[in-house]
């Protein structure tokens, strides 16, 4: 990842990790190459500043909301606030980086002095003629693209490298040409090859859309057989692809890059066409600006004191205004909170029986209704009104997910509510029906008709409040539990069922539940079971 957090400022450039952003408040994007957009996705929700072309590409291919993208015109100065009250401001000027479509350099001016962030750039002498750099300003800190900062690496200019590619293609007049490129960049090279060799350049639909937006010459097409030169992704240039292409038609591949890439096929050619400044160009750039400090953008790249003789005396550290300091601290706390919240959301949720919160599903229209009437409407139907299940049917847990389907029975599949909560299937002895209700419903004791918190077992069959004390109303009439010999065995199974309810994660029981009321229900049930066993053996 190539990005920096500028010390003693709320500025971050090409840096998209909010967890590590600390006090960063203003985020800038130099260009759309992947090594400068690590962590930048459609979920980004902070103000972001970039060039108009980058703004279009960012929304088009990364789906970042336009609400957060602020396009700044290149070559103009823009004033941005550095605190919440607008007391401190800074001026930022965007300069063409001569790297890829939309790539810019950022010149920041404020209480911290003058900072120039080049991003990826290819130096040309015309850059020193920019009005923002010709006013005799002293650059206090220069963040420099050090991709090719190696005295041993000698690179030709892009014009010279383009001539080498044209000459190579003319040496193979009967061959198809594959140009390996990144998804963004070197579109001007393709235009030059098409005009110089008088042929169409075949592009992917995505890159064709880009060149049309850039206003390049009409020399591009998506028709495969329209021209000799095909622009492909650089990862497609490999030994197996060369064998496949040459079986169809004689083909050569060209990789325009300054990187040293081992070739796996004799028809793969590497030409040192680079969109990064060479060492000699970097030295000329630093010597002309004479900054107080040079900071490499690529940290893992070897870096020596190559420009020590071209630096001005360093200045003392700037004092951060109080309003900016408060703004940075508040931003840091917010970033920490957002990071902790995202981490909590990513944790796997514990599975169990889910009880919906009554506040979430409450109907606003019922706010002024009579509480007694609402309580009566929310009472669960007596199991005598439910369809009887055969004795051999397995236990199915019923769960109210939505208000309009509260009476529908579960067909065995695992339904998910709108919040993607998990409903757990439980097992129990045959002949017994168990019904689970959401928290937003009231529960009635089958003995006293009093409200209780949870009812793991409800009567089934022909049941009424008067006969609910009889054990036969708690089990199926044809259930083996009605026979005295099977009662002790099934009592143990029911005890296991009760434990399954009891071991449900506590955090799912929001309101109207307590372990005491549950234990009382279990104790009451076993007393009824013991009484029934004694009557059967008498």
Protein backbone atom coordinates (compact mmCIF):
# COMPACT_ATOMS: atom_id res chain seq x y z
CA UNK A 1 0.00 0.00 0.00
CA UNK A 2 1.36 3.41 -1.03
CA UNK A 3 -0.16 6.13 1.13
CA UNK A 4 0.84 8.60 3.83
CA UNK A 5 -0.55 10.24 6.94
CA UNK A 6 1.07 13.68 7.02
CA UNK A 7 2.30 14.25 10.60
CA UNK A 8 0.92 17.15 12.66
CA UNK A 9 -1.95 17.60 10.19
CA UNK A 10 -5.39 16.05 9.62
CA UNK A 11 -4.36 15.15 6.03
CA UNK A 12 -4.20 11.62 4.58
CA UNK A 13 -3.24 10.90 0.97
CA UNK A 14 -3.91 7.50 -0.66
CA UNK A 15 -4.50 6.10 2.84
CA UNK A 16 -7.81 4.29 3.41
CA UNK A 17 -7.48 2.32 6.63
CA UNK A 18 -9.70 4.15 9.11
CA UNK A 19 -8.50 1.94 11.93
CA UNK A 20 -4.96 3.23 11.45
CA UNK A 21 -5.87 6.70 10.18
CA UNK A 22 -5.72 8.14 13.70
CA UNK A 23 -6.41 11.88 13.56
CA UNK A 24 -6.81 12.11 9.75
CA UNK A 25 -9.80 14.18 8.70
CA UNK A 26 -9.18 15.15 5.06
CA UNK A 27 -8.63 12.29 2.58
CA UNK A 28 -7.09 12.74 -0.87
CA UNK A 29 -6.75 10.29 -3.77
CA UNK A 30 -3.94 10.89 -6.28
CA UNK A 31 -5.03 8.33 -8.90
CA UNK A 32 -6.91 5.08 -9.37
CA UNK A 33 -4.14 2.48 -9.52
CA UNK A 34 -4.78 -0.44 -7.17
CA UNK A 35 -1.68 0.08 -5.01
CA UNK A 36 -3.02 3.53 -4.07
CA UNK A 37 -6.60 2.44 -3.37
CA UNK A 38 -6.09 -0.43 -0.91
CA UNK A 39 -9.05 -0.37 1.48
CA UNK A 40 -11.12 2.03 -0.64
CA UNK A 41 -14.44 0.40 -1.51
CA UNK A 42 -18.14 1.12 -1.94
CA UNK A 43 -18.54 1.32 1.86
CA UNK A 44 -16.38 4.43 2.10
CA UNK A 45 -18.27 7.17 3.95
CA UNK A 46 -15.87 10.10 4.44
CA UNK A 47 -15.27 13.22 2.33
CA UNK A 48 -12.73 12.40 -0.39
CA UNK A 49 -10.95 14.85 -2.72
CA UNK A 50 -9.55 14.00 -6.16
CA UNK A 51 -9.47 15.13 -9.80
CA UNK A 52 -12.63 15.06 -11.95
CA UNK A 53 -11.46 12.07 -14.01
CA UNK A 54 -10.57 10.10 -10.90
CA UNK A 55 -13.94 11.03 -9.39
CA UNK A 56 -15.72 9.54 -12.39
CA UNK A 57 -13.64 6.35 -12.32
CA UNK A 58 -14.04 6.02 -8.55
CA UNK A 59 -17.81 6.08 -8.73
CA UNK A 60 -17.95 4.01 -11.93
CA UNK A 61 -15.67 1.13 -10.94
CA UNK A 62 -15.48 1.25 -7.12
CA UNK A 63 -19.12 2.24 -6.55
CA UNK A 64 -18.17 4.92 -4.02
CA UNK A 65 -21.16 7.16 -3.37
CA UNK A 66 -21.10 10.55 -5.07
CA UNK A 67 -22.10 12.01 -1.72
CA UNK A 68 -18.51 11.61 -0.48
CA UNK A 69 -16.57 12.40 -3.68
CA UNK A 70 -15.44 16.01 -4.13
CA UNK A 71 -13.85 16.68 -7.54
CA UNK A 72 -11.29 19.52 -7.57
CA UNK A 73 -10.25 21.12 -10.83
CA UNK A 74 -6.63 20.56 -11.86
CA UNK A 75 -4.42 23.67 -11.95
CA UNK A 76 -6.64 25.67 -9.61
CA UNK A 77 -6.24 26.48 -5.89
CA UNK A 78 -8.96 25.37 -3.50
CA UNK A 79 -9.49 26.47 0.12
CA UNK A 80 -10.53 23.74 2.56
CA UNK A 81 -11.29 24.04 6.31
CA UNK A 82 -9.01 22.32 8.81
CA UNK A 83 -11.38 22.48 11.77
CA UNK A 84 -15.09 22.42 12.50
CA UNK A 85 -15.51 26.17 12.88
CA UNK A 86 -13.56 27.29 9.81
CA UNK A 87 -10.99 29.27 11.77
CA UNK A 88 -8.07 27.43 10.19
CA UNK A 89 -7.96 26.71 6.47
CA UNK A 90 -5.49 25.43 3.92
CA UNK A 91 -5.01 25.84 0.20
CA UNK A 92 -4.64 22.75 -1.99
CA UNK A 93 -3.63 22.89 -5.65
CA UNK A 94 -3.84 19.90 -7.99
CA UNK A 95 -1.05 19.52 -10.60
CA UNK A 96 -0.99 17.09 -13.52
CA UNK A 97 1.24 14.10 -12.58
CA UNK A 98 1.82 12.88 -16.17
CA UNK A 99 1.26 9.29 -15.01
CA UNK A 100 -2.19 7.96 -15.97
CA UNK A 101 -5.66 9.44 -16.63
CA UNK A 102 -6.70 11.54 -13.64
CA UNK A 103 -3.36 11.29 -11.79
CA UNK A 104 -2.41 14.47 -9.93
CA UNK A 105 0.10 15.89 -7.46
CA UNK A 106 -1.15 17.75 -4.37
CA UNK A 107 0.39 21.03 -3.16
CA UNK A 108 -0.79 21.77 0.41
CA UNK A 109 -0.27 25.21 2.01
CA UNK A 110 -1.28 26.05 5.57
CA UNK A 111 -0.06 26.46 9.15
CA UNK A 112 2.23 23.47 8.51
CA UNK A 113 4.08 25.25 5.72
CA UNK A 114 4.14 23.97 2.13
CA UNK A 115 3.94 20.24 1.36
CA UNK A 116 4.11 18.69 -2.11
CA UNK A 117 2.89 15.12 -2.57
CA UNK A 118 3.81 13.84 -6.03
CA UNK A 119 2.08 10.47 -5.98
CA UNK A 120 3.14 8.44 -9.00
CA UNK A 121 4.48 10.89 -11.61
CA UNK A 122 6.72 11.16 -14.66
CA UNK A 123 8.71 14.38 -14.50
CA UNK A 124 8.81 16.79 -17.42
CA UNK A 125 10.46 20.25 -17.40
CA UNK A 126 7.08 21.86 -18.01
CA UNK A 127 6.04 20.95 -14.44
CA UNK A 128 8.43 23.57 -13.08
CA UNK A 129 6.49 26.20 -15.04
CA UNK A 130 3.28 25.59 -13.08
CA UNK A 131 2.13 28.88 -11.52
CA UNK A 132 1.84 27.22 -8.11
CA UNK A 133 5.55 26.28 -8.24
CA UNK A 134 6.94 29.44 -9.87
CA UNK A 135 6.08 31.90 -7.11
CA UNK A 136 9.32 31.31 -5.26
CA UNK A 137 7.67 29.13 -2.64
CA UNK A 138 9.83 27.06 -0.37
CA UNK A 139 8.77 23.41 -0.24
CA UNK A 140 9.13 22.29 3.35
CA UNK A 141 8.33 18.60 2.78
CA UNK A 142 8.41 16.74 -0.55
CA UNK A 143 6.74 13.31 -0.69
CA UNK A 144 8.49 11.81 -3.71
CA UNK A 145 7.69 8.90 -6.01
CA UNK A 146 10.79 6.71 -5.62
CA UNK A 147 9.73 3.78 -7.83
CA UNK A 148 12.76 4.16 -10.11
CA UNK A 149 15.04 5.97 -7.66
CA UNK A 150 18.09 3.88 -8.46
CA UNK A 151 21.20 5.39 -10.07
CA UNK A 152 21.94 2.04 -11.73
CA UNK A 153 18.59 2.03 -13.53
CA UNK A 154 18.83 4.10 -16.72
CA UNK A 155 15.54 4.68 -18.50
CA UNK A 156 14.79 6.29 -21.86
CA UNK A 157 12.18 8.96 -22.21
CA UNK A 158 8.70 7.80 -23.11
CA UNK A 159 9.11 9.17 -26.62
CA UNK A 160 12.25 7.08 -27.12
CA UNK A 161 10.59 3.97 -25.68
CA UNK A 162 7.56 4.47 -27.97
CA UNK A 163 9.89 4.58 -31.00
CA UNK A 164 11.43 1.26 -29.87
CA UNK A 165 7.97 -0.33 -29.75
CA UNK A 166 7.07 0.97 -33.22
CA UNK A 167 10.32 -0.39 -34.62
CA UNK A 168 9.72 -3.79 -32.98
CA UNK A 169 6.24 -4.04 -34.49
CA UNK A 170 7.51 -3.12 -37.96
CA UNK A 171 10.03 -5.94 -37.72
CA UNK A 172 7.07 -8.37 -37.52
CA UNK A 173 4.72 -7.21 -40.31
CA UNK A 174 2.78 -10.51 -40.42
CA UNK A 175 2.29 -10.91 -36.68
CA UNK A 176 -0.55 -10.00 -34.40
CA UNK A 177 0.54 -7.69 -31.56
CA UNK A 178 -0.52 -8.12 -27.93
CA UNK A 179 0.24 -5.15 -25.66
CA UNK A 180 0.14 -6.09 -21.96
CA UNK A 181 -1.17 -3.22 -19.81
CA UNK A 182 -2.71 -2.48 -16.45
CA UNK A 183 -6.40 -1.62 -16.34
CA UNK A 184 -5.58 2.08 -16.33
CA UNK A 185 -2.70 3.86 -18.04
CA UNK A 186 -0.71 4.09 -21.30
CA UNK A 187 -3.76 5.01 -23.38
CA UNK A 188 -1.68 7.73 -25.09
CA UNK A 189 0.84 5.06 -26.12
CA UNK A 190 -1.92 3.03 -27.80
CA UNK A 191 -3.13 6.13 -29.63
CA UNK A 192 0.44 6.83 -30.84
CA UNK A 193 0.87 3.24 -32.11
CA UNK A 194 -2.45 3.34 -33.98
CA UNK A 195 -1.62 6.60 -35.73
CA UNK A 196 2.00 5.63 -36.47
CA UNK A 197 1.18 2.15 -37.82
CA UNK A 198 -2.18 3.05 -39.41
CA UNK A 199 -4.15 0.29 -37.75
CA UNK A 200 -7.06 -0.09 -35.35
CA UNK A 201 -6.33 -0.91 -31.72
CA UNK A 202 -8.67 -3.51 -30.23
CA UNK A 203 -9.71 -2.77 -26.65
CA UNK A 204 -12.00 -4.23 -24.04
CA UNK A 205 -15.36 -2.45 -23.67
CA UNK A 206 -14.26 -1.04 -20.31
CA UNK A 207 -11.08 0.56 -21.68
CA UNK A 208 -12.93 1.78 -24.77
CA UNK A 209 -15.32 3.66 -22.50
CA UNK A 210 -12.30 5.25 -20.81
CA UNK A 211 -10.56 6.43 -24.01
CA UNK A 212 -13.82 7.88 -25.28
CA UNK A 213 -14.15 9.86 -22.04
CA UNK A 214 -10.57 11.12 -22.46
CA UNK A 215 -11.35 12.43 -25.94
CA UNK A 216 -8.55 10.53 -27.73
CA UNK A 217 -8.47 9.95 -31.48
CA UNK A 218 -11.08 7.61 -32.95
CA UNK A 219 -8.66 4.73 -33.55
CA UNK A 220 -10.07 2.22 -31.06
CA UNK A 221 -12.57 -0.61 -31.46
CA UNK A 222 -13.89 -3.72 -29.75
CA UNK A 223 -13.99 -5.80 -32.97
CA UNK A 224 -11.45 -8.61 -32.57
CA UNK A 225 -10.50 -8.83 -36.25
CA UNK A 226 -10.48 -5.12 -36.99
CA UNK A 227 -6.79 -4.44 -36.27
CA UNK A 228 -3.39 -6.02 -35.58
CA UNK A 229 -2.80 -4.46 -32.16
CA UNK A 230 -4.72 -5.84 -29.20
CA UNK A 231 -4.50 -4.31 -25.71
CA UNK A 232 -4.81 -7.09 -23.11
CA UNK A 233 -4.31 -7.33 -19.37
CA UNK A 234 -0.64 -7.77 -18.51
CA UNK A 235 -1.44 -10.97 -16.58
CA UNK A 236 -2.56 -12.62 -19.83
CA UNK A 237 0.96 -12.46 -21.26
CA UNK A 238 2.32 -15.90 -20.38
CA UNK A 239 3.79 -19.00 -22.01
CA UNK A 240 0.52 -20.90 -22.38
CA UNK A 241 -1.25 -17.90 -23.91
CA UNK A 242 1.58 -17.40 -26.41
CA UNK A 243 1.31 -21.04 -27.50
CA UNK A 244 -2.45 -20.71 -27.93
CA UNK A 245 -2.24 -17.44 -29.87
CA UNK A 246 0.50 -18.68 -32.19
CA UNK A 247 -1.52 -21.77 -33.07
CA UNK A 248 -4.15 -19.42 -34.52
CA UNK A 249 -1.87 -16.74 -35.98
CA UNK A 250 1.78 -15.68 -35.55
CA UNK A 251 1.82 -13.40 -32.51
CA UNK A 252 4.28 -11.36 -30.46
CA UNK A 253 3.64 -9.76 -27.07
CA UNK A 254 5.06 -6.48 -25.75
CA UNK A 255 5.24 -5.44 -22.10
CA UNK A 256 5.90 -1.66 -21.84
CA UNK A 257 7.33 -1.45 -18.32
CA UNK A 258 10.54 -0.53 -16.52
CA UNK A 259 10.24 -3.54 -14.23
CA UNK A 260 12.45 -6.50 -14.84
CA UNK A 261 10.12 -9.33 -15.82
CA UNK A 262 11.53 -12.76 -16.75
CA UNK A 263 10.25 -13.78 -20.18
CA UNK A 264 8.84 -17.27 -20.55
CA UNK A 265 8.55 -17.24 -24.34
CA UNK A 266 10.90 -15.97 -27.09
CA UNK A 267 8.12 -13.84 -28.59
CA UNK A 268 7.55 -11.87 -25.36
CA UNK A 269 9.41 -8.55 -25.46
CA UNK A 270 9.90 -6.05 -22.61
CA UNK A 271 10.40 -2.40 -23.51
CA UNK A 272 11.36 0.13 -20.77
CA UNK A 273 8.38 2.41 -21.31
CA UNK A 274 7.63 3.79 -17.85
CA UNK A 275 5.09 6.16 -16.32
CA UNK A 276 7.43 6.74 -13.34
CA UNK A 277 10.29 9.24 -13.24
CA UNK A 278 13.81 7.96 -13.78
CA UNK A 279 16.57 8.68 -11.29
CA UNK A 280 18.01 11.47 -13.42
CA UNK A 281 14.58 13.08 -13.73
CA UNK A 282 14.01 12.84 -9.96
CA UNK A 283 17.37 14.46 -9.32
CA UNK A 284 16.53 17.33 -11.67
CA UNK A 285 13.14 17.80 -10.01
CA UNK A 286 14.52 17.89 -6.46
CA UNK A 287 17.40 20.16 -7.45
CA UNK A 288 14.97 22.68 -8.94
CA UNK A 289 12.61 22.72 -5.93
CA UNK A 290 15.25 22.46 -3.18
CA UNK A 291 12.85 21.25 -0.48
CA UNK A 292 13.76 21.14 3.21
CA UNK A 293 12.96 17.43 3.47
CA UNK A 294 12.33 14.54 1.05
CA UNK A 295 10.16 11.60 2.16
CA UNK A 296 9.86 8.49 -0.06
CA UNK A 297 6.32 7.37 -0.82
CA UNK A 298 7.25 3.69 -1.33
CA UNK A 299 8.65 2.71 2.06
CA UNK A 300 9.93 -0.77 1.15
CA UNK A 301 11.95 0.60 -1.77
CA UNK A 302 15.71 1.07 -1.13
CA UNK A 303 16.35 4.70 -0.29
CA UNK A 304 19.68 6.45 0.09
CA UNK A 305 20.75 10.01 0.71
CA UNK A 306 20.71 10.72 -3.00
CA UNK A 307 19.37 14.27 -2.69
CA UNK A 308 21.20 15.49 0.40
CA UNK A 309 23.09 18.13 -1.59
CA UNK A 310 19.86 19.51 -3.05
CA UNK A 311 18.03 20.20 0.22
CA UNK A 312 17.44 23.48 2.03
CA UNK A 313 17.90 23.81 5.80
CA UNK A 314 15.14 22.08 7.71
CA UNK A 315 12.64 24.10 9.69
CA UNK A 316 11.26 23.46 13.16
CA UNK A 317 8.07 21.47 13.61
CA UNK A 318 4.88 23.53 13.14
CA UNK A 319 2.58 24.34 16.04
CA UNK A 320 -0.86 22.81 15.63
CA UNK A 321 -3.65 25.38 16.24
CA UNK A 322 -6.00 24.52 19.10
CA UNK A 323 -9.07 24.30 16.87
CA UNK A 324 -7.29 21.89 14.51
CA UNK A 325 -6.03 19.83 17.42
CA UNK A 326 -9.55 19.48 18.82
CA UNK A 327 -10.82 18.54 15.38
CA UNK A 328 -8.16 15.86 14.98
CA UNK A 329 -8.86 14.43 18.45
CA UNK A 330 -12.60 14.24 17.84
CA UNK A 331 -11.97 12.57 14.50
CA UNK A 332 -9.69 10.06 16.19
CA UNK A 333 -12.35 9.10 18.73
CA UNK A 334 -14.96 8.74 16.01
CA UNK A 335 -12.64 6.57 13.91
CA UNK A 336 -11.93 4.34 16.90
CA UNK A 337 -15.66 3.98 17.59
CA UNK A 338 -16.42 3.13 13.95
CA UNK A 339 -13.65 0.55 13.89
CA UNK A 340 -14.91 -1.11 17.09
CA UNK A 341 -18.45 -1.11 15.74
CA UNK A 342 -17.39 -2.74 12.45
CA UNK A 343 -15.41 -5.34 14.36
CA UNK A 344 -18.43 -6.13 16.51
CA UNK A 345 -20.67 -6.53 13.48
CA UNK A 346 -18.20 -8.93 11.85
CA UNK A 347 -18.23 -11.29 14.85
CA UNK A 348 -20.17 -14.52 14.26
CA UNK A 349 -23.52 -14.40 15.97
CA UNK A 350 -24.37 -17.04 18.53
CA UNK A 351 -27.09 -19.35 17.29
CA UNK A 352 -30.16 -19.97 19.38
CA UNK A 353 -33.84 -19.15 19.64
CA UNK A 354 -34.33 -15.51 18.66
CA UNK A 355 -36.95 -13.36 20.29
CA UNK A 356 -37.76 -10.21 18.34
CA UNK A 357 -37.61 -6.94 20.26
CA UNK A 358 -41.08 -5.46 20.88
CA UNK A 359 -39.75 -1.97 20.18
CA UNK A 360 -38.57 -2.92 16.67
CA UNK A 361 -41.89 -4.35 15.46
CA UNK A 362 -44.24 -2.04 17.34
CA UNK A 363 -46.90 -0.47 15.18
CA UNK A 364 -46.95 3.33 15.63
CA UNK A 365 -50.70 3.33 14.93
CA UNK A 366 -51.27 1.30 18.09
CA UNK A 367 -49.55 3.79 20.35
CA UNK A 368 -52.82 5.36 21.56
CA UNK A 369 -54.87 2.16 21.75
CA UNK A 370 -56.23 0.70 24.96
CA UNK A 371 -53.48 -1.46 26.56
CA UNK A 372 -56.02 -4.09 27.62
CA UNK A 373 -57.34 -4.37 24.10
CA UNK A 374 -53.85 -4.67 22.69
CA UNK A 375 -53.02 -7.36 25.23
CA UNK A 376 -56.13 -9.28 24.26
CA UNK A 377 -55.30 -9.04 20.55
CA UNK A 378 -51.78 -10.30 21.15
CA UNK A 379 -52.79 -13.39 23.09
CA UNK A 380 -51.64 -16.56 21.40
CA UNK A 381 -54.46 -18.89 20.26
CA UNK A 382 -55.18 -21.88 22.43
CA UNK A 383 -53.68 -25.06 21.09
CA UNK A 384 -57.11 -26.58 20.82
CA UNK A 385 -57.60 -24.34 17.82
CA UNK A 386 -54.47 -25.66 16.17
CA UNK A 387 -54.43 -28.60 13.82
CA UNK A 388 -53.54 -31.81 15.60
CA UNK A 389 -50.31 -33.52 14.63
CA UNK A 390 -50.00 -37.32 14.30
CA UNK A 391 -48.18 -39.09 17.10
CA UNK A 392 -45.36 -40.18 14.86
CA UNK A 393 -44.63 -36.65 13.58
CA UNK A 394 -41.38 -35.01 14.75
CA UNK A 395 -41.50 -31.89 16.84
CA UNK A 396 -41.59 -28.67 14.81
CA UNK A 397 -40.77 -25.36 16.43
CA UNK A 398 -43.06 -22.55 15.43
CA UNK A 399 -41.59 -19.06 15.38
CA UNK A 400 -43.34 -15.82 14.63
CA UNK A 401 -41.16 -13.94 12.15
CA UNK A 402 -43.62 -11.37 10.80
CA UNK A 403 -46.88 -10.12 12.15
CA UNK A 404 -48.89 -11.20 9.12
CA UNK A 405 -47.67 -14.81 9.17
CA UNK A 406 -47.79 -15.50 12.89
CA UNK A 407 -50.22 -18.38 12.42
CA UNK A 408 -48.28 -20.18 9.68
CA UNK A 409 -46.48 -23.33 10.68
CA UNK A 410 -42.85 -23.98 9.83
CA UNK A 411 -42.43 -26.46 6.97
CA UNK A 412 -39.02 -27.70 8.10
CA UNK A 413 -36.88 -25.17 6.28
CA UNK A 414 -34.97 -22.57 8.24
CA UNK A 415 -36.61 -19.18 7.69
CA UNK A 416 -34.71 -15.96 8.18
CA UNK A 417 -36.18 -12.71 9.31
CA UNK A 418 -35.29 -9.35 7.85
CA UNK A 419 -32.39 -9.07 10.27
CA UNK A 420 -31.08 -12.49 9.24
CA UNK A 421 -31.59 -14.00 12.67
CA UNK A 422 -31.28 -17.77 13.08
CA UNK A 423 -34.13 -19.99 14.22
CA UNK A 424 -33.04 -23.22 15.86
CA UNK A 425 -34.79 -26.57 15.42
CA UNK A 426 -35.25 -28.53 18.64
CA UNK A 427 -36.11 -32.18 19.15
CA UNK A 428 -38.50 -33.66 21.67
CA UNK A 429 -40.45 -36.88 22.27
CA UNK A 430 -43.09 -37.72 19.72
CA UNK A 431 -46.61 -36.69 20.38
CA UNK A 432 -45.75 -33.38 21.99
CA UNK A 433 -46.07 -30.00 20.33
CA UNK A 434 -43.95 -27.07 21.41
CA UNK A 435 -44.66 -23.54 20.34
CA UNK A 436 -42.28 -20.58 20.70
CA UNK A 437 -43.59 -17.06 20.60
CA UNK A 438 -41.80 -13.78 19.95
CA UNK A 439 -41.18 -11.46 22.87
CA UNK A 440 -43.65 -8.95 21.57
CA UNK A 441 -46.50 -11.33 22.49
CA UNK A 442 -47.94 -11.92 25.95
CA UNK A 443 -47.80 -15.43 27.44
CA UNK A 444 -50.56 -16.90 29.59
CA UNK A 445 -50.16 -19.63 32.17
CA UNK A 446 -52.43 -22.60 31.34
CA UNK A 447 -53.28 -23.01 35.04
CA UNK A 448 -53.90 -19.48 36.30
CA UNK A 449 -54.29 -17.53 33.02
CA UNK A 450 -51.66 -15.18 34.44
CA UNK A 451 -49.04 -13.57 32.26
CA UNK A 452 -45.71 -15.34 32.28
CA UNK A 453 -42.41 -14.68 30.50
CA UNK A 454 -41.92 -17.85 28.48
CA UNK A 455 -44.04 -20.92 27.84
CA UNK A 456 -41.92 -23.78 26.58
CA UNK A 457 -44.86 -26.17 26.58
CA UNK A 458 -48.47 -25.35 25.73
CA UNK A 459 -51.46 -27.68 25.87
CA UNK A 460 -52.70 -29.33 22.73
CA UNK A 461 -55.80 -31.20 21.89
CA UNK A 462 -59.14 -30.31 23.44
CA UNK A 463 -57.83 -28.00 26.10
CA UNK A 464 -59.40 -25.24 28.09
CA UNK A 465 -58.44 -23.26 31.16
CA UNK A 466 -60.65 -25.48 33.31
CA UNK A 467 -59.09 -28.76 32.19
CA UNK A 468 -55.53 -27.59 31.85
CA UNK A 469 -54.60 -29.11 35.19
CA UNK A 470 -55.04 -32.57 33.73
CA UNK A 471 -51.85 -34.02 32.33
CA UNK A 472 -53.61 -35.44 29.30
CA UNK A 473 -54.09 -31.91 28.04
CA UNK A 474 -50.33 -31.36 28.06
CA UNK A 475 -49.58 -34.34 25.81
CA UNK A 476 -51.16 -35.99 22.81
CA UNK A 477 -54.08 -38.26 23.58
CA UNK A 478 -52.37 -41.04 21.69
CA UNK A 479 -48.97 -40.28 23.13
CA UNK A 480 -47.02 -43.01 24.96
CA UNK A 481 -46.76 -40.58 27.85
CA UNK A 482 -50.32 -41.44 28.81
CA UNK A 483 -49.13 -44.93 29.79
CA UNK A 484 -47.57 -45.18 33.21
CA UNK A 485 -44.65 -47.41 32.18
CA UNK A 486 -43.35 -44.91 29.70
CA UNK A 487 -43.83 -41.89 31.91
CA UNK A 488 -40.50 -42.03 33.81
CA UNK A 489 -38.54 -42.48 30.58
CA UNK A 490 -40.26 -39.60 28.83
CA UNK A 491 -39.94 -37.44 31.91
CA UNK A 492 -36.18 -37.60 31.51
CA UNK A 493 -36.51 -36.64 27.85
CA UNK A 494 -38.67 -33.68 28.79
CA UNK A 495 -36.06 -32.71 31.31
CA UNK A 496 -33.48 -32.65 28.51
CA UNK A 497 -35.81 -30.48 26.45
CA UNK A 498 -36.12 -28.06 29.34
CA UNK A 499 -32.35 -27.90 29.61
CA UNK A 500 -32.12 -27.05 25.92
CA UNK A 501 -34.37 -24.06 26.52
CA UNK A 502 -32.46 -23.14 29.64
CA UNK A 503 -29.10 -23.23 27.84
CA UNK A 504 -30.24 -20.87 25.11
CA UNK A 505 -27.83 -17.85 25.09
CA UNK A 506 -29.05 -15.27 27.58
CA UNK A 507 -28.40 -12.33 25.28
CA UNK A 508 -31.30 -13.39 23.05
CA UNK A 509 -33.86 -12.98 25.83
CA UNK A 510 -34.46 -9.26 25.77
CA UNK A 511 -37.51 -8.55 27.93
CA UNK A 512 -40.19 -10.32 29.97
CA UNK A 513 -38.01 -13.27 30.80
CA UNK A 514 -36.39 -14.48 33.99
CA UNK A 515 -34.83 -17.79 34.94
CA UNK A 516 -36.98 -17.91 38.10
CA UNK A 517 -40.28 -17.98 36.17
CA UNK A 518 -38.86 -20.60 33.82
CA UNK A 519 -37.74 -22.82 36.72
CA UNK A 520 -41.17 -22.49 38.29
CA UNK A 521 -42.79 -23.73 35.09
CA UNK A 522 -40.44 -26.70 34.89
CA UNK A 523 -41.05 -27.56 38.55
CA UNK A 524 -44.80 -27.26 38.07
CA UNK A 525 -44.67 -29.55 35.07
CA UNK A 526 -42.75 -32.27 36.93
CA UNK A 527 -45.19 -32.04 39.83
CA UNK A 528 -48.04 -32.68 37.41
CA UNK A 529 -46.11 -35.55 35.84
CA UNK A 530 -45.42 -37.12 39.24
CA UNK A 531 -49.08 -36.74 40.25
CA UNK A 532 -50.21 -38.43 37.05
CA UNK A 533 -47.80 -41.31 37.60
CA UNK A 534 -49.06 -41.86 41.14
CA UNK A 535 -52.69 -41.89 39.96
CA UNK A 536 -51.85 -44.40 37.24
CA UNK A 537 -50.12 -46.81 39.60
CA UNK A 538 -52.88 -46.55 42.26
